């Protein structure tokens, strides 16, 4: 099994709540959050791109 080398997102800054990302040799992206490091989401680069674009376009309510 391959060892994953996690990198903290630059958007996390010095915060204690951080998002980490890594890529496997197959190109699969893995994401996890610092408060639940055992929960790992997997996706592809195009899938993550689509997700981020959708978040940017969404109008968030303050409620």
C-alpha atoms as a PDB file:
ATOM      1  CA  UNK A   1       0.000   0.000   0.000  1.00  0.00           C
ATOM      2  CA  UNK A   2       1.232   3.459  -0.890  1.00  0.00           C
ATOM      3  CA  UNK A   3       2.091   5.999   1.823  1.00  0.00           C
ATOM      4  CA  UNK A   4       0.210   9.251   1.327  1.00  0.00           C
ATOM      5  CA  UNK A   5       2.042  12.516   1.995  1.00  0.00           C
ATOM      6  CA  UNK A   6      -0.550  15.019   3.210  1.00  0.00           C
ATOM      7  CA  UNK A   7      -0.209  18.732   2.528  1.00  0.00           C
ATOM      8  CA  UNK A   8      -2.096  21.403   4.445  1.00  0.00           C
ATOM      9  CA  UNK A   9      -4.208  23.663   2.255  1.00  0.00           C
ATOM     10  CA  UNK A  10      -2.781  27.162   1.923  1.00  0.00           C
ATOM     11  CA  UNK A  11      -6.319  28.482   2.546  1.00  0.00           C
ATOM     12  CA  UNK A  12      -6.226  27.004   6.065  1.00  0.00           C
ATOM     13  CA  UNK A  13      -3.553  29.498   7.158  1.00  0.00           C
ATOM     14  CA  UNK A  14      -2.608  29.210  10.825  1.00  0.00           C
ATOM     15  CA  UNK A  15      -6.037  27.957  11.807  1.00  0.00           C
ATOM     16  CA  UNK A  16      -6.360  24.786  13.880  1.00  0.00           C
ATOM     17  CA  UNK A  17      -9.216  23.637  11.592  1.00  0.00           C
ATOM     18  CA  UNK A  18      -7.330  22.596   8.487  1.00  0.00           C
ATOM     19  CA  UNK A  19      -8.003  20.820   5.226  1.00  0.00           C
ATOM     20  CA  UNK A  20      -5.323  18.446   3.968  1.00  0.00           C
ATOM     21  CA  UNK A  21      -4.919  17.088   0.451  1.00  0.00           C
ATOM     22  CA  UNK A  22      -2.743  14.480  -1.235  1.00  0.00           C
ATOM     23  CA  UNK A  23      -2.663  12.646  -4.550  1.00  0.00           C
ATOM     24  CA  UNK A  24      -2.001   8.968  -5.146  1.00  0.00           C
ATOM     25  CA  UNK A  25       0.186   7.664  -7.960  1.00  0.00           C
ATOM     26  CA  UNK A  26      -3.009   6.945  -9.930  1.00  0.00           C
ATOM     27  CA  UNK A  27      -4.024  10.622  -9.762  1.00  0.00           C
ATOM     28  CA  UNK A  28      -6.814  10.119  -7.253  1.00  0.00           C
ATOM     29  CA  UNK A  29      -7.108  13.079  -4.876  1.00  0.00           C
ATOM     30  CA  UNK A  30      -7.662  12.486  -1.162  1.00  0.00           C
ATOM     31  CA  UNK A  31      -9.001  15.152   1.200  1.00  0.00           C
ATOM     32  CA  UNK A  32      -9.393  15.159   4.966  1.00  0.00           C
ATOM     33  CA  UNK A  33     -10.118  17.596   7.763  1.00  0.00           C
ATOM     34  CA  UNK A  34      -7.874  18.019  10.811  1.00  0.00           C
ATOM     35  CA  UNK A  35     -10.667  17.370  13.333  1.00  0.00           C
ATOM     36  CA  UNK A  36     -11.616  14.034  11.678  1.00  0.00           C
ATOM     37  CA  UNK A  37      -8.403  12.728  10.051  1.00  0.00           C
ATOM     38  CA  UNK A  38      -9.771   9.184   9.666  1.00  0.00           C
ATOM     39  CA  UNK A  39     -12.548  10.391   7.341  1.00  0.00           C
ATOM     40  CA  UNK A  40     -11.017  10.650   3.870  1.00  0.00           C
ATOM     41  CA  UNK A  41     -12.852  11.792   0.749  1.00  0.00           C
ATOM     42  CA  UNK A  42     -11.576  10.700  -2.643  1.00  0.00           C
ATOM     43  CA  UNK A  43     -12.154  12.353  -5.997  1.00  0.00           C
ATOM     44  CA  UNK A  44     -10.511  13.185  -9.300  1.00  0.00           C
ATOM     45  CA  UNK A  45      -9.059  16.528 -10.358  1.00  0.00           C
ATOM     46  CA  UNK A  46     -12.015  17.243 -12.684  1.00  0.00           C
ATOM     47  CA  UNK A  47     -14.458  16.275  -9.930  1.00  0.00           C
ATOM     48  CA  UNK A  48     -12.815  18.607  -7.410  1.00  0.00           C
ATOM     49  CA  UNK A  49     -12.723  21.401  -9.977  1.00  0.00           C
ATOM     50  CA  UNK A  50     -16.461  21.026 -10.649  1.00  0.00           C
ATOM     51  CA  UNK A  51     -17.205  21.033  -6.902  1.00  0.00           C
ATOM     52  CA  UNK A  52     -15.142  24.177  -6.244  1.00  0.00           C
ATOM     53  CA  UNK A  53     -16.702  26.006  -9.198  1.00  0.00           C
ATOM     54  CA  UNK A  54     -20.176  25.110  -7.945  1.00  0.00           C
ATOM     55  CA  UNK A  55     -19.325  26.472  -4.494  1.00  0.00           C
ATOM     56  CA  UNK A  56     -18.042  29.726  -5.972  1.00  0.00           C
ATOM     57  CA  UNK A  57     -21.266  30.214  -7.952  1.00  0.00           C
ATOM     58  CA  UNK A  58     -23.584  29.444  -5.037  1.00  0.00           C
ATOM     59  CA  UNK A  59     -25.211  32.343  -3.257  1.00  0.00           C
ATOM     60  CA  UNK A  60     -24.843  31.615   0.464  1.00  0.00           C
ATOM     61  CA  UNK A  61     -27.487  32.756   2.926  1.00  0.00           C
ATOM     62  CA  UNK A  62     -26.486  34.110   6.320  1.00  0.00           C
ATOM     63  CA  UNK A  63     -29.331  32.192   7.948  1.00  0.00           C
END
